[in-house]
Structures are given as C-alpha cells and as structure tokens.
C-alpha atoms as a PDB file:
ATOM      1  CA  MET A   1      -0.004  -0.006  -0.002  1.00  0.00           C
ATOM      2  CA  PHE A   2       2.934   2.298   0.817  1.00  0.00           C
ATOM      3  CA  GLU A   3       4.336   1.592  -2.616  1.00  0.00           C
ATOM      4  CA  GLU A   4       1.080   2.595  -4.323  1.00  0.00           C
ATOM      5  CA  HIS A   5       1.013   5.883  -2.457  1.00  0.00           C
ATOM      6  CA  PHE A   6       4.627   6.576  -3.427  1.00  0.00           C
ATOM      7  CA  ARG A   7       3.853   5.888  -7.080  1.00  0.00           C
ATOM      8  CA  TRP A   8       0.868   8.313  -6.942  1.00  0.00           C
ATOM      9  CA  MET A   9       3.026  10.999  -5.390  1.00  0.00           C
ATOM     10  CA  GLU A  10       5.695  10.485  -8.035  1.00  0.00           C
ATOM     11  CA  ALA A  11       3.117  10.722 -10.764  1.00  0.00           C
ATOM     12  CA  ILE A  12       1.763  13.943  -9.339  1.00  0.00           C
ATOM     13  CA  SER A  13       5.254  15.428  -9.209  1.00  0.00           C
ATOM     14  CA  THR A  14       5.843  14.407 -12.835  1.00  0.00           C
ATOM     15  CA  ARG A  15       2.523  16.070 -13.854  1.00  0.00           C
ATOM     16  CA  HIS A  16       3.608  19.282 -12.165  1.00  0.00           C
ATOM     17  CA  SER A  17       6.868  19.260 -14.070  1.00  0.00           C
ATOM     18  CA  TYR A  18       5.143  18.427 -17.280  1.00  0.00           C
ATOM     19  CA  VAL A  19       2.627  21.258 -17.031  1.00  0.00           C
ATOM     20  CA  ARG A  20       5.160  23.844 -15.934  1.00  0.00           C
ATOM     21  CA  GLU A  21       7.372  22.965 -18.904  1.00  0.00           C
ATOM     22  CA  LYS A  22       4.442  23.232 -21.320  1.00  0.00           C
ATOM     23  CA  LEU A  23       3.436  26.653 -19.836  1.00  0.00           C
ATOM     24  CA  GLY A  24       7.031  27.946 -19.738  1.00  0.00           C
ATOM     25  CA  LYS A  25       6.745  30.228 -22.756  1.00  0.00           C
ATOM     26  CA  GLY A  26       3.306  31.617 -21.847  1.00  0.00           C
ATOM     27  CA  GLN A  27       3.359  35.396 -22.016  1.00  0.00           C
ATOM     28  CA  PRO A  28       2.250  37.509 -19.033  1.00  0.00           C
ATOM     29  CA  VAL A  29      -1.304  38.641 -18.438  1.00  0.00           C
ATOM     30  CA  ILE A  30      -1.475  41.595 -16.069  1.00  0.00           C
ATOM     31  CA  GLY A  31      -4.540  42.780 -14.173  1.00  0.00           C
ATOM     32  CA  VAL A  32      -4.436  46.034 -12.118  1.00  0.00           C
ATOM     33  CA  PRO A  33      -6.950  48.553 -10.730  1.00  0.00           C
ATOM     34  CA  TYR A  34      -7.261  52.158 -11.843  1.00  0.00           C
ATOM     35  CA  ASN A  35      -9.214  55.064 -10.379  1.00  0.00           C
ATOM     36  CA  GLU A  36     -12.491  54.005 -12.020  1.00  0.00           C
ATOM     37  CA  GLY A  37     -12.229  50.212 -12.128  1.00  0.00           C
ATOM     38  CA  ALA A  38      -9.744  47.635 -13.416  1.00  0.00           C
ATOM     39  CA  VAL A  39      -7.773  46.708 -16.544  1.00  0.00           C
ATOM     40  CA  ILE A  40      -6.523  43.400 -17.782  1.00  0.00           C
ATOM     41  CA  LEU A  41      -4.120  42.987 -20.689  1.00  0.00           C
ATOM     42  CA  GLY A  42      -1.658  40.728 -22.438  1.00  0.00           C
ATOM     43  CA  PHE A  43       0.186  40.117 -25.714  1.00  0.00           C
ATOM     44  CA  SER A  44      -0.386  37.016 -27.826  1.00  0.00           C
ATOM     45  CA  PRO A  45       0.514  35.795 -31.377  1.00  0.00           C
ATOM     46  CA  GLN A  46      -3.190  35.264 -32.043  1.00  0.00           C
ATOM     47  CA  PRO A  47      -6.411  36.508 -30.534  1.00  0.00           C
ATOM     48  CA  GLY A  48      -7.788  34.536 -27.521  1.00  0.00           C
ATOM     49  CA  LYS A  49      -6.202  35.799 -24.320  1.00  0.00           C
ATOM     50  CA  ILE A  50      -8.771  38.235 -22.784  1.00  0.00           C
ATOM     51  CA  PHE A  51     -12.466  37.431 -22.363  1.00  0.00           C
ATOM     52  CA  GLU A  52     -15.689  38.618 -20.769  1.00  0.00           C
ATOM     53  CA  ILE A  53     -17.228  36.127 -18.333  1.00  0.00           C
ATOM     54  CA  TYR A  54     -20.075  38.182 -16.869  1.00  0.00           C
ATOM     55  CA  ASP A  55     -21.160  41.826 -16.480  1.00  0.00           C
ATOM     56  CA  ARG A  56     -18.517  42.569 -13.870  1.00  0.00           C
ATOM     57  CA  ILE A  57     -15.986  39.788 -14.496  1.00  0.00           C
ATOM     58  CA  ALA A  58     -13.123  39.470 -16.962  1.00  0.00           C
ATOM     59  CA  LEU A  59     -10.766  36.528 -17.668  1.00  0.00           C
ATOM     60  CA  GLY A  60      -7.189  36.395 -18.916  1.00  0.00           C
ATOM     61  CA  GLY A  61      -5.657  33.048 -19.749  1.00  0.00           C
ATOM     62  CA  LEU A  62      -2.440  31.453 -20.902  1.00  0.00           C
ATOM     63  CA  GLY A  63      -1.812  27.891 -21.982  1.00  0.00           C
ATOM     64  CA  HIS A  64      -3.248  25.527 -24.549  1.00  0.00           C
ATOM     65  CA  PRO A  65      -5.953  27.373 -26.524  1.00  0.00           C
ATOM     66  CA  ALA A  66      -8.347  24.358 -26.329  1.00  0.00           C
ATOM     67  CA  ASP A  67      -8.028  24.315 -22.529  1.00  0.00           C
ATOM     68  CA  VAL A  68      -8.476  28.038 -22.179  1.00  0.00           C
ATOM     69  CA  GLU A  69     -11.639  27.889 -24.327  1.00  0.00           C
ATOM     70  CA  ARG A  70     -13.034  24.857 -22.461  1.00  0.00           C
ATOM     71  CA  LEU A  71     -12.592  26.489 -19.078  1.00  0.00           C
ATOM     72  CA  ARG A  72     -13.841  29.813 -20.352  1.00  0.00           C
ATOM     73  CA  MET A  73     -17.051  28.115 -21.444  1.00  0.00           C
ATOM     74  CA  THR A  74     -17.308  26.353 -18.104  1.00  0.00           C
ATOM     75  CA  LEU A  75     -17.013  29.637 -16.239  1.00  0.00           C
ATOM     76  CA  LEU A  76     -19.436  31.343 -18.606  1.00  0.00           C
ATOM     77  CA  ASP A  77     -22.088  28.581 -18.077  1.00  0.00           C
ATOM     78  CA  MET A  78     -21.593  28.571 -14.291  1.00  0.00           C
ATOM     79  CA  ALA A  79     -21.948  32.379 -14.117  1.00  0.00           C
ATOM     80  CA  HIS A  80     -25.164  32.424 -16.104  1.00  0.00           C
ATOM     81  CA  VAL A  81     -26.732  29.561 -14.150  1.00  0.00           C
ATOM     82  CA  GLU A  82     -25.787  31.376 -10.905  1.00  0.00           C
ATOM     83  CA  GLY A  83     -27.259  34.629 -12.190  1.00  0.00           C
ATOM     84  CA  PHE A  84     -30.481  32.867 -13.215  1.00  0.00           C
ATOM     85  CA  ASN A  85     -30.957  30.839 -10.052  1.00  0.00           C
ATOM     86  CA  ARG A  86     -29.924  33.576  -7.617  1.00  0.00           C
ATOM     87  CA  SER A  87     -29.238  37.120  -8.886  1.00  0.00           C
ATOM     88  CA  ALA A  88     -26.648  38.978 -10.957  1.00  0.00           C
ATOM     89  CA  GLN A  89     -25.208  40.399  -7.711  1.00  0.00           C
ATOM     90  CA  ASP A  90     -24.528  36.861  -6.456  1.00  0.00           C
ATOM     91  CA  VAL A  91     -22.273  36.038  -9.395  1.00  0.00           C
ATOM     92  CA  THR A  92     -18.829  36.500  -7.882  1.00  0.00           C
ATOM     93  CA  ILE A  93     -15.439  34.983  -8.834  1.00  0.00           C
ATOM     94  CA  ALA A  94     -14.979  33.641  -5.285  1.00  0.00           C
ATOM     95  CA  ARG A  95     -18.216  31.607  -5.593  1.00  0.00           C
ATOM     96  CA  LEU A  96     -17.439  30.369  -9.082  1.00  0.00           C
ATOM     97  CA  LEU A  97     -14.015  29.154  -7.970  1.00  0.00           C
ATOM     98  CA  GLN A  98     -14.881  27.823  -4.543  1.00  0.00           C
ATOM     99  CA  PHE A  99     -17.996  25.852  -5.552  1.00  0.00           C
ATOM    100  CA  GLY A 100     -17.221  25.030  -9.173  1.00  0.00           C
ATOM    101  CA  LEU A 101     -14.033  25.560 -11.053  1.00  0.00           C
ATOM    102  CA  ALA A 102     -11.343  24.941  -8.384  1.00  0.00           C
ATOM    103  CA  PRO A 103     -12.650  21.524  -7.225  1.00  0.00           C
ATOM    104  CA  ALA A 104     -12.948  20.429 -10.899  1.00  0.00           C
ATOM    105  CA  LEU A 105      -9.370  21.464 -11.695  1.00  0.00           C
ATOM    106  CA  LYS A 106      -8.030  19.757  -8.578  1.00  0.00           C
ATOM    107  CA  GLN A 107      -9.885  16.527  -9.394  1.00  0.00           C
ATOM    108  CA  ASN A 108      -8.701  16.592 -13.001  1.00  0.00           C
ATOM    109  CA  PHE A 109      -5.055  17.135 -11.929  1.00  0.00           C
ATOM    110  CA  GLU A 110      -5.084  14.366  -9.355  1.00  0.00           C
ATOM    111  CA  GLU A 111      -6.588  11.780 -11.667  1.00  0.00           C
ATOM    112  CA  ILE A 112      -3.354  10.684 -13.222  1.00  0.00           C
ATOM    113  CA  GLN A 113      -5.065   8.663 -15.946  1.00  0.00           C
ATOM    114  CA  ARG A 114      -6.435  11.885 -17.471  1.00  0.00           C
ATOM    115  CA  ALA A 115      -4.480  14.578 -19.294  1.00  0.00           C
ATOM    116  CA  PRO A 116      -4.032  17.701 -17.145  1.00  0.00           C
ATOM    117  CA  TYR A 117      -5.224  21.091 -18.098  1.00  0.00           C
ATOM    118  CA  LEU A 118      -2.433  23.290 -19.557  1.00  0.00           C
ATOM    119  CA  ILE A 119      -3.583  26.601 -18.225  1.00  0.00           C
ATOM    120  CA  GLN A 120      -3.228  29.520 -15.838  1.00  0.00           C
ATOM    121  CA  MET A 121      -5.922  32.070 -15.375  1.00  0.00           C
ATOM    122  CA  LEU A 122      -6.259  35.627 -14.110  1.00  0.00           C
ATOM    123  CA  LEU A 123      -9.798  36.742 -13.160  1.00  0.00           C
ATOM    124  CA  THR A 124     -10.818  40.249 -12.143  1.00  0.00           C
ATOM    125  CA  GLU A 125     -14.107  41.684 -11.031  1.00  0.00           C
ATOM    126  CA  ILE A 126     -15.743  44.857  -9.686  1.00  0.00           C
ATOM    127  CA  ASN A 127     -17.350  43.784  -6.470  1.00  0.00           C
ATOM    128  CA  ARG A 128     -20.608  45.043  -4.937  1.00  0.00           C
ATOM    129  CA  GLU A 129     -18.809  47.896  -3.146  1.00  0.00           C
ATOM    130  CA  GLY A 130     -17.282  49.006  -6.425  1.00  0.00           C
ATOM    131  CA  GLY A 131     -13.751  47.825  -5.578  1.00  0.00           C
ATOM    132  CA  ALA A 132     -11.537  45.802  -7.916  1.00  0.00           C
ATOM    133  CA  GLU A 133     -10.529  42.288  -6.970  1.00  0.00           C
ATOM    134  CA  PHE A 134      -8.073  39.986  -8.706  1.00  0.00           C
ATOM    135  CA  PHE A 135      -7.696  36.128  -8.642  1.00  0.00           C
ATOM    136  CA  ARG A 136      -4.869  33.986  -9.849  1.00  0.00           C
ATOM    137  CA  VAL A 137      -5.873  30.349 -10.587  1.00  0.00           C
ATOM    138  CA  ASN A 138      -3.440  27.540 -11.140  1.00  0.00           C
ATOM    139  CA  TYR A 139      -3.813  24.411 -13.304  1.00  0.00           C
ATOM    140  CA  ASP A 140      -4.219  22.236 -10.152  1.00  0.00           C
ATOM    141  CA  GLY A 141      -7.083  24.262  -8.719  1.00  0.00           C
ATOM    142  CA  TYR A 142      -5.078  26.344  -6.288  1.00  0.00           C
ATOM    143  CA  TRP A 143      -6.151  29.996  -6.322  1.00  0.00           C
ATOM    144  CA  GLU A 144      -5.132  33.259  -4.565  1.00  0.00           C
ATOM    145  CA  THR A 145      -6.823  36.678  -4.126  1.00  0.00           C
ATOM    146  CA  PHE A 146      -5.148  40.043  -4.659  1.00  0.00           C
ATOM    147  CA  LYS A 147      -6.374  43.593  -4.017  1.00  0.00           C
ATOM    148  CA  LYS A 148      -3.552  45.634  -5.669  1.00  0.00           C
ATOM    149  CA  GLY A 149      -3.471  43.570  -8.899  1.00  0.00           C
ATOM    150  CA  THR A 150      -1.682  40.449 -10.080  1.00  0.00           C
ATOM    151  CA  VAL A 151      -0.031  38.711 -12.993  1.00  0.00           C
ATOM    152  CA  ILE A 152       0.209  35.192 -14.535  1.00  0.00           C
ATOM    153  CA  ALA A 153       3.200  34.105 -16.612  1.00  0.00           C
ATOM    154  CA  GLY A 154       4.763  30.927 -17.828  1.00  0.00           C
ATOM    155  CA  ASP A 155       8.127  31.962 -16.482  1.00  0.00           C
ATOM    156  CA  SER A 156       8.007  32.116 -12.663  1.00  0.00           C
ATOM    157  CA  LYS A 157      10.838  34.695 -12.524  1.00  0.00           C
ATOM    158  CA  VAL A 158       8.885  37.032 -14.778  1.00  0.00           C
ATOM    159  CA  CYS A 159       5.837  36.528 -12.590  1.00  0.00           C
ATOM    160  CA  GLU A 160       7.642  37.209  -9.362  1.00  0.00           C
ATOM    161  CA  ARG A 161       9.321  40.379 -10.658  1.00  0.00           C
ATOM    162  CA  ILE A 162       6.107  41.840 -12.131  1.00  0.00           C
ATOM    163  CA  GLN A 163       4.125  40.972  -8.959  1.00  0.00           C
ATOM    164  CA  LYS A 164       6.674  42.737  -6.823  1.00  0.00           C
ATOM    165  CA  GLU A 165       6.372  45.882  -8.943  1.00  0.00           C
ATOM    166  CA  ILE A 166       2.567  45.758  -8.896  1.00  0.00           C
ATOM    167  CA  ASP A 167       2.617  45.544  -5.057  1.00  0.00           C
ATOM    168  CA  ASN A 168       4.852  48.619  -4.906  1.00  0.00           C
ATOM    169  CA  THR A 169       2.730  50.724  -7.310  1.00  0.00           C
ATOM    170  CA  ASP A 170      -0.447  52.600  -6.405  1.00  0.00           C
ATOM    171  CA  PHE A 171      -2.373  51.732  -9.524  1.00  0.00           C
ATOM    172  CA  ALA A 172      -5.698  52.545  -7.909  1.00  0.00           C
ATOM    173  CA  SER A 173      -4.866  56.273  -7.991  1.00  0.00           C
ATOM    174  CA  LEU A 174      -3.967  56.300 -11.687  1.00  0.00           C
ATOM    175  CA  SER A 175      -6.100  57.249 -14.646  1.00  0.00           C
ATOM    176  CA  LEU A 176      -6.946  54.614 -17.262  1.00  0.00           C
ATOM    177  CA  ASP A 177      -4.252  55.785 -19.666  1.00  0.00           C
ATOM    178  CA  LYS A 178      -1.591  55.894 -16.988  1.00  0.00           C
ATOM    179  CA  ALA A 179      -2.533  52.498 -15.579  1.00  0.00           C
ATOM    180  CA  LEU A 180      -2.338  50.943 -19.027  1.00  0.00           C
ATOM    181  CA  GLN A 181       1.018  52.527 -19.737  1.00  0.00           C
ATOM    182  CA  SER A 182       2.446  51.529 -16.374  1.00  0.00           C
ATOM    183  CA  ALA A 183       1.214  47.923 -16.684  1.00  0.00           C
ATOM    184  CA  LEU A 184       2.835  47.602 -20.121  1.00  0.00           C
ATOM    185  CA  ARG A 185       6.145  48.987 -18.837  1.00  0.00           C
ATOM    186  CA  LEU A 186       6.038  46.356 -16.059  1.00  0.00           C
ATOM    187  CA  TRP A 187       5.551  43.699 -18.814  1.00  0.00           C
ATOM    188  CA  GLU A 188       8.640  45.042 -20.627  1.00  0.00           C
ATOM    189  CA  GLU A 189      10.781  45.246 -17.453  1.00  0.00           C
ATOM    190  CA  GLY A 190       9.903  41.694 -16.499  1.00  0.00           C
ATOM    191  CA  ARG A 191      10.752  40.379 -19.952  1.00  0.00           C
ATOM    192  CA  LYS A 192      14.051  42.370 -20.242  1.00  0.00           C
ATOM    193  CA  LYS A 193      15.502  41.229 -16.940  1.00  0.00           C
ATOM    194  CA  VAL A 194      14.820  37.563 -17.659  1.00  0.00           C
ATOM    195  CA  GLU A 195      16.073  37.736 -21.198  1.00  0.00           C
ATOM    196  CA  SER A 196      19.303  39.374 -20.031  1.00  0.00           C
ATOM    197  CA  GLU A 197      19.830  36.614 -17.528  1.00  0.00           C
ATOM    198  CA  LYS A 198      19.204  33.905 -20.153  1.00  0.00           C
ATOM    199  CA  ASP A 199      21.558  35.653 -22.503  1.00  0.00           C
ATOM    200  CA  ALA A 200      24.255  35.586 -19.837  1.00  0.00           C
ATOM    201  CA  GLU A 201      23.713  31.885 -19.157  1.00  0.00           C
ATOM    202  CA  SER A 202      23.625  30.962 -22.890  1.00  0.00           C
ATOM    203  CA  SER A 203      26.840  32.889 -23.570  1.00  0.00           C
ATOM    204  CA  SER A 204      28.667  30.513 -21.211  1.00  0.00           C
ATOM    205  CA  ASP A 205      27.288  27.449 -23.064  1.00  0.00           C
ATOM    206  CA  ASP A 206      27.035  27.721 -26.831  1.00  0.00           C
ATOM    207  CA  ASP A 207      24.933  24.568 -26.981  1.00  0.00           C
ATOM    208  CA  ASP A 208      22.204  25.996 -24.737  1.00  0.00           C
ATOM    209  CA  GLN A 209      19.134  25.557 -26.947  1.00  0.00           C
ATOM    210  CA  ASP A 210      16.821  27.228 -24.518  1.00  0.00           C
ATOM    211  CA  GLY A 211      18.853  30.374 -24.759  1.00  0.00           C
ATOM    212  CA  GLU A 212      18.626  30.337 -28.535  1.00  0.00           C
ATOM    213  CA  GLU A 213      14.907  29.770 -28.503  1.00  0.00           C
ATOM    214  CA  SER A 214      14.228  32.467 -25.902  1.00  0.00           C
ATOM    215  CA  GLU A 215      15.862  35.083 -28.217  1.00  0.00           C
ATOM    216  CA  LYS A 216      13.010  34.591 -30.617  1.00  0.00           C
ATOM    217  CA  LEU A 217      10.462  35.985 -28.202  1.00  0.00           C
ATOM    218  CA  PRO A 218       9.888  39.713 -28.103  1.00  0.00           C
ATOM    219  CA  ALA A 219      11.683  41.341 -25.115  1.00  0.00           C
ATOM    220  CA  THR A 220      10.593  44.922 -25.694  1.00  0.00           C
ATOM    221  CA  LEU A 221       7.267  46.657 -26.122  1.00  0.00           C
ATOM    222  CA  LYS A 222       8.204  47.742 -29.637  1.00  0.00           C
ATOM    223  CA  GLU A 223       8.978  44.141 -30.656  1.00  0.00           C
ATOM    224  CA  ALA A 224       5.839  42.897 -29.041  1.00  0.00           C
ATOM    225  CA  PHE A 225       3.577  45.444 -30.805  1.00  0.00           C
ATOM    226  CA  ASP A 226       5.361  44.653 -34.138  1.00  0.00           C
ATOM    227  CA  ARG A 227       4.968  40.818 -33.888  1.00  0.00           C
ATOM    228  CA  TRP A 228       1.984  40.189 -31.566  1.00  0.00           C
ATOM    229  CA  ASN A 229      -1.512  41.457 -30.759  1.00  0.00           C
ATOM    230  CA  LEU A 230      -2.255  43.402 -27.595  1.00  0.00           C
ATOM    231  CA  GLU A 231      -5.547  42.433 -26.004  1.00  0.00           C
ATOM    232  CA  ALA A 232      -6.832  44.678 -23.275  1.00  0.00           C
ATOM    233  CA  ALA A 233     -10.163  45.066 -21.496  1.00  0.00           C
ATOM    234  CA  VAL A 234     -11.579  47.520 -18.976  1.00  0.00           C
ATOM    235  CA  LEU A 235     -14.085  47.062 -16.194  1.00  0.00           C
ATOM    236  CA  SER A 236     -15.332  50.577 -15.579  1.00  0.00           C
ATOM    237  CA  ARG A 237     -17.610  51.805 -12.810  1.00  0.00           C
ATOM    238  CA  ASN A 238     -18.117  55.036 -14.739  1.00  0.00           C
ATOM    239  CA  THR A 239     -20.668  53.737 -17.195  1.00  0.00           C
ATOM    240  CA  GLN A 240     -24.477  53.849 -17.511  1.00  0.00           C
ATOM    241  CA  ARG A 241     -24.451  50.273 -19.020  1.00  0.00           C
ATOM    242  CA  LYS A 242     -25.262  47.207 -16.919  1.00  0.00           C
ATOM    243  CA  CYS A 243     -22.186  45.490 -18.373  1.00  0.00           C
ATOM    244  CA  LEU A 244     -19.018  47.080 -17.029  1.00  0.00           C
ATOM    245  CA  TYR A 245     -16.762  45.108 -19.424  1.00  0.00           C
ATOM    246  CA  ARG A 246     -15.427  46.532 -22.674  1.00  0.00           C
ATOM    247  CA  LEU A 247     -12.447  45.902 -24.926  1.00  0.00           C
ATOM    248  CA  LEU A 248     -10.033  48.665 -25.780  1.00  0.00           C
ATOM    249  CA  THR A 249     -10.695  50.080 -29.260  1.00  0.00           C
ATOM    250  CA  GLU A 250      -8.148  49.950 -32.053  1.00  0.00           C
ATOM    251  CA  GLN A 251      -7.742  53.728 -31.706  1.00  0.00           C
ATOM    252  CA  GLU A 252      -7.015  53.384 -27.946  1.00  0.00           C
ATOM    253  CA  ILE A 253      -4.508  50.596 -28.550  1.00  0.00           C
ATOM    254  CA  SER A 254      -2.763  52.704 -31.282  1.00  0.00           C
ATOM    255  CA  THR A 255      -2.555  55.688 -28.952  1.00  0.00           C
ATOM    256  CA  LEU A 256      -1.212  53.440 -26.185  1.00  0.00           C
ATOM    257  CA  GLU A 257       1.409  51.980 -28.495  1.00  0.00           C
ATOM    258  CA  SER A 258       2.610  55.451 -29.418  1.00  0.00           C
ATOM    259  CA  ALA A 259       2.858  56.474 -25.769  1.00  0.00           C
ATOM    260  CA  VAL A 260       4.968  53.456 -24.638  1.00  0.00           C
ATOM    261  CA  THR A 261       7.216  52.796 -27.636  1.00  0.00           C
ATOM    262  CA  GLN A 262       8.536  56.307 -28.276  1.00  0.00           C
END
C-alpha cells in the first residue's frame, strides 16, 4: 500500500513538471486597478487571451488554446446559471471558484489517468462595493486573491518580478491611460530582466538551446507590438451600461502603442 502511495506522489510530481514545462513560454497577463475600475491586458501571437465572463467579470488566460476555451465556457455557463438561479449580484469569482472551477481542476489534476489542463488564469471583477478584486488560478485548482493587482506568466521569474512591482505601485490612484502605460512597462521590464539573464547563461554554453529559443520571443514593447496582438479590456464603474466590461478600441491601442514605444 505504501508503494502505491509513493507511485501516486511520483506521478503527481511528474505532472507538475510536465505542465510547468508546457506553460514555460506563456506570455504574461497583467490585471491592475485604476481610479474608475480595473484593466486586464496581455500580448499574444493570435487572438484569444482576454475574455468577458459576466457583466462585472473578466478573464485572462495562458496555456493551450483548447483548454483556455473549455474552461472559459465552463465559467461562462456557471456564471449564467448562478445569475439565473440567484441574482446577478450573487455572481462572484469567489463563488465560481470555490464551488465550481477549483474543485474540478483539482480533481482533474489528481486523476493521473487523465491529461491535465495546460492553463493558468487571471480573473478580475468589480465587487458590490465598487472595488476591484483579482484572482490567480493555477492548473491544479489552487487560487489566490489580490487587491492591488496580479499577474500570470509561464516563467516564474517574470511573474515574481512583475508581482513585486505591482505591489509597490499605487495603480488605484492612476487614470486609465496611466494605468495601461504603467502595466505595459512592467511587462517590458519583467521580460527584459529575464532575457538578459538567459543571454548571460547561454553565452557561457554555446549549446544551450533554450537560450537560442528564448531570443525569438519579443523582449521589448516595440517588438511585441510589431509581432503580436495586444488584447486589453476595462471594467469601468463610470458607465451607464449594466455591463462594465469593454475591450479597448483599435484607436485606444494605437494611442497606447505610441505612448509606450517612443
């Protein structure tokens, strides 16, 4: 019996390593507050990173596109069932995670005969009091709550560095434009530091394939705008609409690009 338990623990450890490796090149998604709500943004080679879940809830995901879409639909269905059975005000991220998504992710991860989800998620909402809340959800069902904003990224070093800067920045006092610009500059700083470290490591070993591959990824905002798509959404309290969610327009993204790449 002890041997079976050891094999299960070994299999779980192997699954963690497998998923982390697959998510390793996932690009950061950043969610932060601003003085009228919250913003969530991220770069990707193709559309499919930022989504609306409910009137006051937005989702950012990284990982396998099929897994992101599957769990997006799961959250969407759960939110609308909750809103129908109770009320729109009762649809909160905490309830969706605690009573639905998190247990399902944990069960999937621990059933070693099934393929694990290759995903990380960042969820943000405007709560009943009008404050912004942020949630980081892992592939194994573990989730955390943040008040000042948070980030998900395939590279743990990038994630740690950006999170530290978010914690040290008063985003809630910034205007929408300033919050977007500051969040993008955090994306760039996180990427630059890790790329410089990888370059230093690869220079000491010419056969380091990871170093060669990492150079192909954009490390600056200019490179990211040239090669990828920026997806960004706003949850704004300052609206007459029931739905607080909206995507940035092409004009807003163009203006933002000019502000951060010059």
